[in-house]
PDB file of N, CA and C in Angstrom:
ATOM      1  N   MET A   1       7.881  13.629  -4.062  1.00  0.00           N
ATOM      2  CA  MET A   1       8.205  12.654  -4.939  1.00  0.00           C
ATOM      3  C   MET A   1       9.667  12.671  -4.622  1.00  0.00           C
ATOM      4  N   PRO A   2      10.414  13.322  -4.276  1.00  0.00           N
ATOM      5  CA  PRO A   2      11.991  13.423  -4.136  1.00  0.00           C
ATOM      6  C   PRO A   2      12.525  12.376  -3.002  1.00  0.00           C
ATOM      7  N   ARG A   3      11.351  12.285  -1.952  1.00  0.00           N
ATOM      8  CA  ARG A   3      11.657  11.486  -0.903  1.00  0.00           C
ATOM      9  C   ARG A   3      11.042   9.835  -1.132  1.00  0.00           C
ATOM     10  N   GLU A   4      10.050   9.728  -1.938  1.00  0.00           N
ATOM     11  CA  GLU A   4      10.045   8.439  -2.767  1.00  0.00           C
ATOM     12  C   GLU A   4      10.864   7.772  -3.489  1.00  0.00           C
ATOM     13  N   LYS A   5      11.750   8.666  -4.194  1.00  0.00           N
ATOM     14  CA  LYS A   5      12.851   8.348  -5.023  1.00  0.00           C
ATOM     15  C   LYS A   5      14.051   8.089  -3.966  1.00  0.00           C
ATOM     16  N   ALA A   6      13.997   8.388  -3.058  1.00  0.00           N
ATOM     17  CA  ALA A   6      15.308   8.535  -2.359  1.00  0.00           C
ATOM     18  C   ALA A   6      14.838   7.064  -1.380  1.00  0.00           C
ATOM     19  N   ALA A   7      13.676   6.705  -1.157  1.00  0.00           N
ATOM     20  CA  ALA A   7      13.360   5.290  -0.757  1.00  0.00           C
ATOM     21  C   ALA A   7      13.328   4.307  -1.586  1.00  0.00           C
ATOM     22  N   HIS A   8      12.954   5.048  -2.797  1.00  0.00           N
ATOM     23  CA  HIS A   8      13.091   3.319  -3.663  1.00  0.00           C
ATOM     24  C   HIS A   8      14.849   2.994  -4.096  1.00  0.00           C
ATOM     25  N   LYS A   9      15.596   4.298  -3.873  1.00  0.00           N
ATOM     26  CA  LYS A   9      17.171   3.876  -3.900  1.00  0.00           C
ATOM     27  C   LYS A   9      17.765   3.111  -3.004  1.00  0.00           C
ATOM     28  N   ILE A  10      16.987   3.272  -1.334  1.00  0.00           N
ATOM     29  CA  ILE A  10      17.472   2.708  -0.259  1.00  0.00           C
ATOM     30  C   ILE A  10      16.961   1.688  -0.600  1.00  0.00           C
ATOM     31  N   LEU A  11      15.859   0.980  -1.077  1.00  0.00           N
ATOM     32  CA  LEU A  11      15.400  -0.092  -1.004  1.00  0.00           C
ATOM     33  C   LEU A  11      16.124  -1.009  -1.804  1.00  0.00           C
ATOM     34  N   PHE A  12      16.507  -0.413  -2.764  1.00  0.00           N
ATOM     35  CA  PHE A  12      17.054  -1.249  -4.223  1.00  0.00           C
ATOM     36  C   PHE A  12      18.751  -1.520  -3.496  1.00  0.00           C
ATOM     37  N   ALA A  13      19.213  -0.707  -2.942  1.00  0.00           N
ATOM     38  CA  ALA A  13      20.723  -1.137  -2.338  1.00  0.00           C
ATOM     39  C   ALA A  13      20.395  -1.993  -1.095  1.00  0.00           C
ATOM     40  N   TRP A  14      19.156  -2.407  -0.722  1.00  0.00           N
ATOM     41  CA  TRP A  14      19.109  -2.999   0.803  1.00  0.00           C
ATOM     42  C   TRP A  14      19.034  -4.515   0.026  1.00  0.00           C
ATOM     43  N   LEU A  15      18.296  -4.565  -1.364  1.00  0.00           N
ATOM     44  CA  LEU A  15      17.728  -5.496  -1.931  1.00  0.00           C
ATOM     45  C   LEU A  15      19.151  -6.398  -2.431  1.00  0.00           C
ATOM     46  N   ILE A  16      20.391  -5.583  -2.722  1.00  0.00           N
ATOM     47  CA  ILE A  16      21.563  -5.705  -3.391  1.00  0.00           C
ATOM     48  C   ILE A  16      22.388  -6.299  -2.085  1.00  0.00           C
ATOM     49  N   CYS A  17      21.803  -5.898  -1.120  1.00  0.00           N
ATOM     50  CA  CYS A  17      22.826  -6.178  -0.217  1.00  0.00           C
ATOM     51  C   CYS A  17      22.399  -7.623   0.606  1.00  0.00           C
ATOM     52  N   LEU A  18      20.773  -7.521   0.609  1.00  0.00           N
ATOM     53  CA  LEU A  18      20.429  -8.735   1.121  1.00  0.00           C
ATOM     54  C   LEU A  18      20.720 -10.215   0.094  1.00  0.00           C
ATOM     55  N   PHE A  19      20.769  -9.890  -1.042  1.00  0.00           N
ATOM     56  CA  PHE A  19      21.485 -10.797  -2.253  1.00  0.00           C
ATOM     57  C   PHE A  19      23.030 -11.035  -1.846  1.00  0.00           C
ATOM     58  N   LEU A  20      23.637 -10.319  -1.956  1.00  0.00           N
ATOM     59  CA  LEU A  20      25.269 -10.239  -1.698  1.00  0.00           C
ATOM     60  C   LEU A  20      25.182 -11.104  -0.014  1.00  0.00           C
ATOM     61  N   LEU A  21      24.524 -10.553   0.912  1.00  0.00           N
ATOM     62  CA  LEU A  21      24.784 -11.686   2.078  1.00  0.00           C
ATOM     63  C   LEU A  21      24.217 -12.797   2.112  1.00  0.00           C
ATOM     64  N   THR A  22      23.275 -13.054   1.313  1.00  0.00           N
ATOM     65  CA  THR A  22      22.341 -14.225   1.177  1.00  0.00           C
ATOM     66  C   THR A  22      23.583 -15.347   0.735  1.00  0.00           C
ATOM     67  N   THR A  23      24.157 -15.355  -0.091  1.00  0.00           N
ATOM     68  CA  THR A  23      24.755 -15.930  -0.971  1.00  0.00           C
ATOM     69  C   THR A  23      26.243 -16.142   0.185  1.00  0.00           C
ATOM     70  N   ARG A  24      26.490 -15.583   0.416  1.00  0.00           N
ATOM     71  CA  ARG A  24      27.720 -15.118   1.360  1.00  0.00           C
ATOM     72  C   ARG A  24      27.725 -16.540   2.430  1.00  0.00           C
ATOM     73  N   VAL A  25      26.416 -16.111   2.930  1.00  0.00           N
ATOM     74  CA  VAL A  25      25.964 -17.152   4.764  1.00  0.00           C
ATOM     75  C   VAL A  25      25.648 -18.409   3.925  1.00  0.00           C
ATOM     76  N   LEU A  26      25.267 -18.266   2.786  1.00  0.00           N
ATOM     77  CA  LEU A  26      24.298 -19.699   2.757  1.00  0.00           C
ATOM     78  C   LEU A  26      25.588 -20.870   2.050  1.00  0.00           C
ATOM     79  N   LEU A  27      26.796 -20.082   2.016  1.00  0.00           N
ATOM     80  CA  LEU A  27      27.999 -21.154   2.037  1.00  0.00           C
ATOM     81  C   LEU A  27      28.666 -21.213   3.400  1.00  0.00           C
ATOM     82  N   VAL A  28      28.193 -20.845   4.558  1.00  0.00           N
ATOM     83  CA  VAL A  28      28.977 -20.717   5.428  1.00  0.00           C
ATOM     84  C   VAL A  28      28.200 -21.717   6.495  1.00  0.00           C
ATOM     85  N   THR A  29      26.950 -21.043   7.054  1.00  0.00           N
ATOM     86  CA  THR A  29      26.299 -22.279   8.251  1.00  0.00           C
ATOM     87  C   THR A  29      24.790 -21.842   7.977  1.00  0.00           C
ATOM     88  N   LYS A  30      24.377 -23.579   8.371  1.00  0.00           N
ATOM     89  CA  LYS A  30      22.836 -23.423   8.172  1.00  0.00           C
ATOM     90  C   LYS A  30      22.107 -22.376   9.010  1.00  0.00           C
ATOM     91  N   ALA A  31      22.837 -22.107  10.304  1.00  0.00           N
ATOM     92  CA  ALA A  31      21.836 -21.258  11.248  1.00  0.00           C
ATOM     93  C   ALA A  31      21.837 -19.457  10.656  1.00  0.00           C
ATOM     94  N   GLY A  32      23.270 -19.304   9.743  1.00  0.00           N
ATOM     95  CA  GLY A  32      23.087 -18.154   9.248  1.00  0.00           C
ATOM     96  C   GLY A  32      21.706 -18.132   8.029  1.00  0.00           C
ATOM     97  N   VAL A  33      21.609 -19.369   7.459  1.00  0.00           N
ATOM     98  CA  VAL A  33      20.715 -19.384   6.550  1.00  0.00           C
ATOM     99  C   VAL A  33      19.348 -19.099   6.742  1.00  0.00           C
ATOM    100  N   LEU A  34      19.226 -19.451   7.901  1.00  0.00           N
ATOM    101  CA  LEU A  34      17.531 -19.490   8.797  1.00  0.00           C
ATOM    102  C   LEU A  34      17.750 -17.828   8.847  1.00  0.00           C
ATOM    103  N   LEU A  35      18.590 -17.511   9.751  1.00  0.00           N
ATOM    104  CA  LEU A  35      18.805 -15.606   9.926  1.00  0.00           C
ATOM    105  C   LEU A  35      18.470 -14.837   8.786  1.00  0.00           C
ATOM    106  N   VAL A  36      19.273 -14.805   7.663  1.00  0.00           N
ATOM    107  CA  VAL A  36      19.064 -14.490   6.758  1.00  0.00           C
ATOM    108  C   VAL A  36      17.642 -14.756   6.426  1.00  0.00           C
ATOM    109  N   SER A  37      17.377 -16.124   6.117  1.00  0.00           N
ATOM    110  CA  SER A  37      15.862 -16.031   5.644  1.00  0.00           C
ATOM    111  C   SER A  37      14.658 -15.348   6.461  1.00  0.00           C
ATOM    112  N   LEU A  38      14.734 -15.217   7.510  1.00  0.00           N
ATOM    113  CA  LEU A  38      13.988 -14.822   8.172  1.00  0.00           C
ATOM    114  C   LEU A  38      13.672 -13.204   8.251  1.00  0.00           C
ATOM    115  N   VAL A  39      15.704 -12.628   7.838  1.00  0.00           N
ATOM    116  CA  VAL A  39      15.359 -11.023   7.647  1.00  0.00           C
ATOM    117  C   VAL A  39      14.418 -10.681   6.166  1.00  0.00           C
ATOM    118  N   ILE A  40      15.023 -11.508   5.270  1.00  0.00           N
ATOM    119  CA  ILE A  40      14.661 -11.330   3.888  1.00  0.00           C
ATOM    120  C   ILE A  40      13.155 -11.346   3.922  1.00  0.00           C
ATOM    121  N   ALA A  41      12.271 -12.476   4.610  1.00  0.00           N
ATOM    122  CA  ALA A  41      11.070 -12.809   4.539  1.00  0.00           C
ATOM    123  C   ALA A  41      10.084 -11.244   5.163  1.00  0.00           C
ATOM    124  N   ALA A  42      10.862 -10.828   6.522  1.00  0.00           N
ATOM    125  CA  ALA A  42      10.321  -9.999   7.299  1.00  0.00           C
ATOM    126  C   ALA A  42      10.238  -8.775   6.138  1.00  0.00           C
ATOM    127  N   PHE A  43      11.475  -8.244   5.697  1.00  0.00           N
ATOM    128  CA  PHE A  43      11.537  -7.215   4.569  1.00  0.00           C
ATOM    129  C   PHE A  43      10.324  -7.268   3.468  1.00  0.00           C
ATOM    130  N   SER A  44      10.421  -8.697   3.178  1.00  0.00           N
ATOM    131  CA  SER A  44       9.662  -8.691   1.843  1.00  0.00           C
ATOM    132  C   SER A  44       7.920  -8.346   2.472  1.00  0.00           C
ATOM    133  N   ILE A  45       7.890  -8.774   3.670  1.00  0.00           N
ATOM    134  CA  ILE A  45       6.296  -8.416   4.122  1.00  0.00           C
ATOM    135  C   ILE A  45       6.228  -6.833   4.259  1.00  0.00           C
ATOM    136  N   TRP A  46       7.114  -6.184   4.516  1.00  0.00           N
ATOM    137  CA  TRP A  46       6.790  -4.652   5.087  1.00  0.00           C
ATOM    138  C   TRP A  46       6.874  -4.390   3.637  1.00  0.00           C
ATOM    139  N   VAL A  47       7.788  -4.636   2.649  1.00  0.00           N
ATOM    140  CA  VAL A  47       7.600  -3.751   1.206  1.00  0.00           C
ATOM    141  C   VAL A  47       6.045  -4.459   0.833  1.00  0.00           C
ATOM    142  N   ALA A  48       5.433  -5.713   0.999  1.00  0.00           N
ATOM    143  CA  ALA A  48       4.287  -5.880   0.665  1.00  0.00           C
ATOM    144  C   ALA A  48       3.126  -5.031   1.195  1.00  0.00           C
ATOM    145  N   PHE A  49       3.210  -4.522   2.537  1.00  0.00           N
ATOM    146  CA  PHE A  49       2.573  -3.966   3.275  1.00  0.00           C
ATOM    147  C   PHE A  49       2.474  -2.618   2.678  1.00  0.00           C
ATOM    148  N   ARG A  50       3.618  -1.668   2.199  1.00  0.00           N
ATOM    149  CA  ARG A  50       3.803  -0.579   1.794  1.00  0.00           C
ATOM    150  C   ARG A  50       2.991  -0.694   0.604  1.00  0.00           C
ATOM    151  N   LEU A  51       3.289  -1.422  -0.353  1.00  0.00           N
ATOM    152  CA  LEU A  51       2.272  -1.178  -1.399  1.00  0.00           C
ATOM    153  C   LEU A  51       0.642  -1.582  -1.309  1.00  0.00           C
ATOM    154  N   VAL A  52       0.374  -2.334  -0.570  1.00  0.00           N
ATOM    155  CA  VAL A  52      -0.946  -2.207  -0.241  1.00  0.00           C
ATOM    156  C   VAL A  52      -1.404  -1.048   0.550  1.00  0.00           C
ATOM    157  N   GLU A  53      -0.702  -0.401   1.478  1.00  0.00           N
ATOM    158  CA  GLU A  53      -0.905   0.515   1.877  1.00  0.00           C
ATOM    159  C   GLU A  53      -1.463   1.936   0.899  1.00  0.00           C
ATOM    160  N   SER A  54      -0.530   1.938  -0.411  1.00  0.00           N
ATOM    161  CA  SER A  54      -0.961   3.191  -1.044  1.00  0.00           C
ATOM    162  C   SER A  54      -2.022   2.705  -2.172  1.00  0.00           C
ATOM    163  N   VAL A  55      -2.484   1.496  -2.033  1.00  0.00           N
ATOM    164  CA  VAL A  55      -3.009   1.291  -3.075  1.00  0.00           C
ATOM    165  C   VAL A  55      -4.535   1.405  -2.088  1.00  0.00           C
ATOM    166  N   VAL A  56      -4.532   0.852  -0.593  1.00  0.00           N
ATOM    167  CA  VAL A  56      -5.829   1.864  -0.241  1.00  0.00           C
ATOM    168  C   VAL A  56      -6.057   2.848   0.190  1.00  0.00           C
ATOM    169  N   ALA A  57      -4.760   3.804   0.252  1.00  0.00           N
ATOM    170  CA  ALA A  57      -4.986   5.231   0.222  1.00  0.00           C
ATOM    171  C   ALA A  57      -5.329   5.512  -1.067  1.00  0.00           C
ATOM    172  N   THR A  58      -5.062   5.212  -2.289  1.00  0.00           N
ATOM    173  CA  THR A  58      -5.883   5.697  -3.524  1.00  0.00           C
ATOM    174  C   THR A  58      -7.067   5.321  -3.563  1.00  0.00           C
ATOM    175  N   ALA A  59      -7.679   4.044  -3.466  1.00  0.00           N
ATOM    176  CA  ALA A  59      -8.997   3.824  -3.411  1.00  0.00           C
ATOM    177  C   ALA A  59      -9.858   4.521  -2.217  1.00  0.00           C
ATOM    178  N   TRP A  60      -9.555   4.813  -1.207  1.00  0.00           N
ATOM    179  CA  TRP A  60      -9.979   5.929  -0.146  1.00  0.00           C
ATOM    180  C   TRP A  60     -10.498   7.154  -0.725  1.00  0.00           C
ATOM    181  N   LYS A  61      -9.221   8.148  -1.423  1.00  0.00           N
ATOM    182  CA  LYS A  61      -9.471   9.280  -2.050  1.00  0.00           C
ATOM    183  C   LYS A  61     -10.455   8.636  -3.101  1.00  0.00           C
ATOM    184  N   ILE A  62     -10.460   7.788  -3.984  1.00  0.00           N
ATOM    185  CA  ILE A  62     -11.275   7.810  -4.886  1.00  0.00           C
ATOM    186  C   ILE A  62     -12.749   7.974  -4.426  1.00  0.00           C
ATOM    187  N   SER A  63     -13.261   6.961  -3.213  1.00  0.00           N
ATOM    188  CA  SER A  63     -14.837   6.559  -2.976  1.00  0.00           C
ATOM    189  C   SER A  63     -14.938   7.879  -2.340  1.00  0.00           C
ATOM    190  N   GLY A  64     -13.866   8.701  -1.877  1.00  0.00           N
ATOM    191  CA  GLY A  64     -14.248  10.267  -1.142  1.00  0.00           C
ATOM    192  C   GLY A  64     -15.108  10.931  -2.231  1.00  0.00           C
ATOM    193  N   VAL A  65     -13.919  11.399  -3.569  1.00  0.00           N
ATOM    194  CA  VAL A  65     -14.683  12.023  -4.476  1.00  0.00           C
ATOM    195  C   VAL A  65     -15.885  11.488  -5.143  1.00  0.00           C
ATOM    196  N   ILE A  66     -16.258  10.283  -5.317  1.00  0.00           N
ATOM    197  CA  ILE A  66     -17.480   9.526  -5.585  1.00  0.00           C
ATOM    198  C   ILE A  66     -18.874   9.973  -4.282  1.00  0.00           C
ATOM    199  N   ALA A  67     -18.307   9.845  -3.256  1.00  0.00           N
ATOM    200  CA  ALA A  67     -19.356  10.085  -2.126  1.00  0.00           C
ATOM    201  C   ALA A  67     -19.438  12.022  -2.050  1.00  0.00           C
ATOM    202  N   SER A  68     -18.438  12.919  -2.421  1.00  0.00           N
ATOM    203  CA  SER A  68     -18.940  14.137  -2.510  1.00  0.00           C
ATOM    204  C   SER A  68     -19.595  14.878  -3.926  1.00  0.00           C
ATOM    205  N   ARG A  69     -19.281  13.896  -4.872  1.00  0.00           N
ATOM    206  CA  ARG A  69     -20.203  14.323  -5.973  1.00  0.00           C
ATOM    207  C   ARG A  69     -21.684  13.620  -5.716  1.00  0.00           C
ATOM    208  N   LEU A  70     -21.937  12.546  -5.235  1.00  0.00           N
ATOM    209  CA  LEU A  70     -23.255  12.025  -4.898  1.00  0.00           C
ATOM    210  C   LEU A  70     -24.188  12.698  -3.925  1.00  0.00           C
ATOM    211  N   MET A  71     -23.188  13.851  -3.157  1.00  0.00           N
ATOM    212  CA  MET A  71     -24.004  14.376  -1.873  1.00  0.00           C
ATOM    213  C   MET A  71     -23.989  15.638  -2.579  1.00  0.00           C
ATOM    214  N   ARG A  72     -23.579  16.039  -3.575  1.00  0.00           N
ATOM    215  CA  ARG A  72     -23.977  17.387  -4.436  1.00  0.00           C
ATOM    216  C   ARG A  72     -25.035  17.656  -5.304  1.00  0.00           C
ATOM    217  N   LYS A  73     -25.613  16.454  -5.496  1.00  0.00           N
ATOM    218  CA  LYS A  73     -26.851  16.251  -6.523  1.00  0.00           C
ATOM    219  C   LYS A  73     -27.746  17.297  -5.716  1.00  0.00           C
ATOM    220  N   PRO A  74     -28.688  17.796  -6.872  1.00  0.00           N
ATOM    221  CA  PRO A  74     -29.604  18.453  -6.612  1.00  0.00           C
ATOM    222  C   PRO A  74     -31.297  17.840  -5.787  1.00  0.00           C
ATOM    223  N   ALA A  75     -31.665  18.670  -4.667  1.00  0.00           N
ATOM    224  CA  ALA A  75     -32.859  18.100  -4.040  1.00  0.00           C
ATOM    225  C   ALA A  75     -33.830  17.291  -5.001  1.00  0.00           C
ATOM    226  N   GLU A  76     -33.813  17.900  -6.316  1.00  0.00           N
ATOM    227  CA  GLU A  76     -35.134  16.754  -7.007  1.00  0.00           C
ATOM    228  C   GLU A  76     -34.564  16.021  -7.446  1.00  0.00           C
ATOM    229  N   ALA A  77     -33.644  15.660  -7.306  1.00  0.00           N
ATOM    230  CA  ALA A  77     -32.703  14.171  -8.054  1.00  0.00           C
ATOM    231  C   ALA A  77     -33.316  13.043  -6.686  1.00  0.00           C
ATOM    232  N   HIS A  78     -33.473  13.568  -5.441  1.00  0.00           N
ATOM    233  CA  HIS A  78     -33.963  12.503  -4.507  1.00  0.00           C
ATOM    234  C   HIS A  78     -35.663  11.615  -4.569  1.00  0.00           C
ATOM    235  N   GLY A  79     -36.119  12.933  -5.305  1.00  0.00           N
ATOM    236  CA  GLY A  79     -37.546  12.421  -5.609  1.00  0.00           C
ATOM    237  C   GLY A  79     -38.734  13.407  -4.632  1.00  0.00           C
ATOM    238  N   PRO A  80     -39.878  13.330  -4.770  1.00  0.00           N
ATOM    239  CA  PRO A  80     -40.334  14.149  -4.221  1.00  0.00           C
ATOM    240  C   PRO A  80     -40.593  13.980  -2.540  1.00  0.00           C
ATOM    241  N   GLU A  81     -41.005  15.242  -1.716  1.00  0.00           N
ATOM    242  CA  GLU A  81     -40.516  14.953  -0.181  1.00  0.00           C
ATOM    243  C   GLU A  81     -41.858  14.165  -0.088  1.00  0.00           C
ATOM    244  N   PRO A  82     -41.802  13.865   1.335  1.00  0.00           N
ATOM    245  CA  PRO A  82     -42.939  12.794   1.754  1.00  0.00           C
ATOM    246  C   PRO A  82     -44.744  13.485   1.622  1.00  0.00           C
ATOM    247  N   GLU A  83     -44.472  14.750   2.488  1.00  0.00           N
ATOM    248  CA  GLU A  83     -45.704  15.280   2.076  1.00  0.00           C
ATOM    249  C   GLU A  83     -46.080  15.725   0.912  1.00  0.00           C
ATOM    250  N   ASP A  84     -45.876  15.952   0.043  1.00  0.00           N
ATOM    251  CA  ASP A  84     -46.230  15.741  -1.377  1.00  0.00           C
ATOM    252  C   ASP A  84     -46.779  14.839  -2.306  1.00  0.00           C
ATOM    253  N   ILE A  85     -46.377  13.370  -1.139  1.00  0.00           N
ATOM    254  CA  ILE A  85     -46.705  12.098  -1.794  1.00  0.00           C
ATOM    255  C   ILE A  85     -48.154  11.737  -2.002  1.00  0.00           C
ATOM    256  N   GLY A  86     -49.052  12.644  -0.821  1.00  0.00           N
ATOM    257  CA  GLY A  86     -50.171  12.493  -0.766  1.00  0.00           C
ATOM    258  C   GLY A  86     -51.078  13.104  -1.433  1.00  0.00           C
ATOM    259  N   GLU A  87     -50.857  14.515  -2.170  1.00  0.00           N
ATOM    260  CA  GLU A  87     -51.340  15.364  -2.720  1.00  0.00           C
ATOM    261  C   GLU A  87     -51.985  14.985  -4.058  1.00  0.00           C
TER     262      GLU A  87
END
């Protein structure tokens, strides 16, 4: 948990720096605007990937729990054995 908090602080500081850089460069050159826009887009994609990654990991854990509960059901719950059907 402390590692995540540190990462959140770094991400927040990075967003502030990007905002300040963007406003500064917007006033200077068109090439700078393009460069900063590409950096912001790349960073946004990375953040979105990290968010989706945690959601997928959570869904994977939940499906594992459900699968393990389904596998632990007693044999009677699955129905009669095939050799008992004909008798």
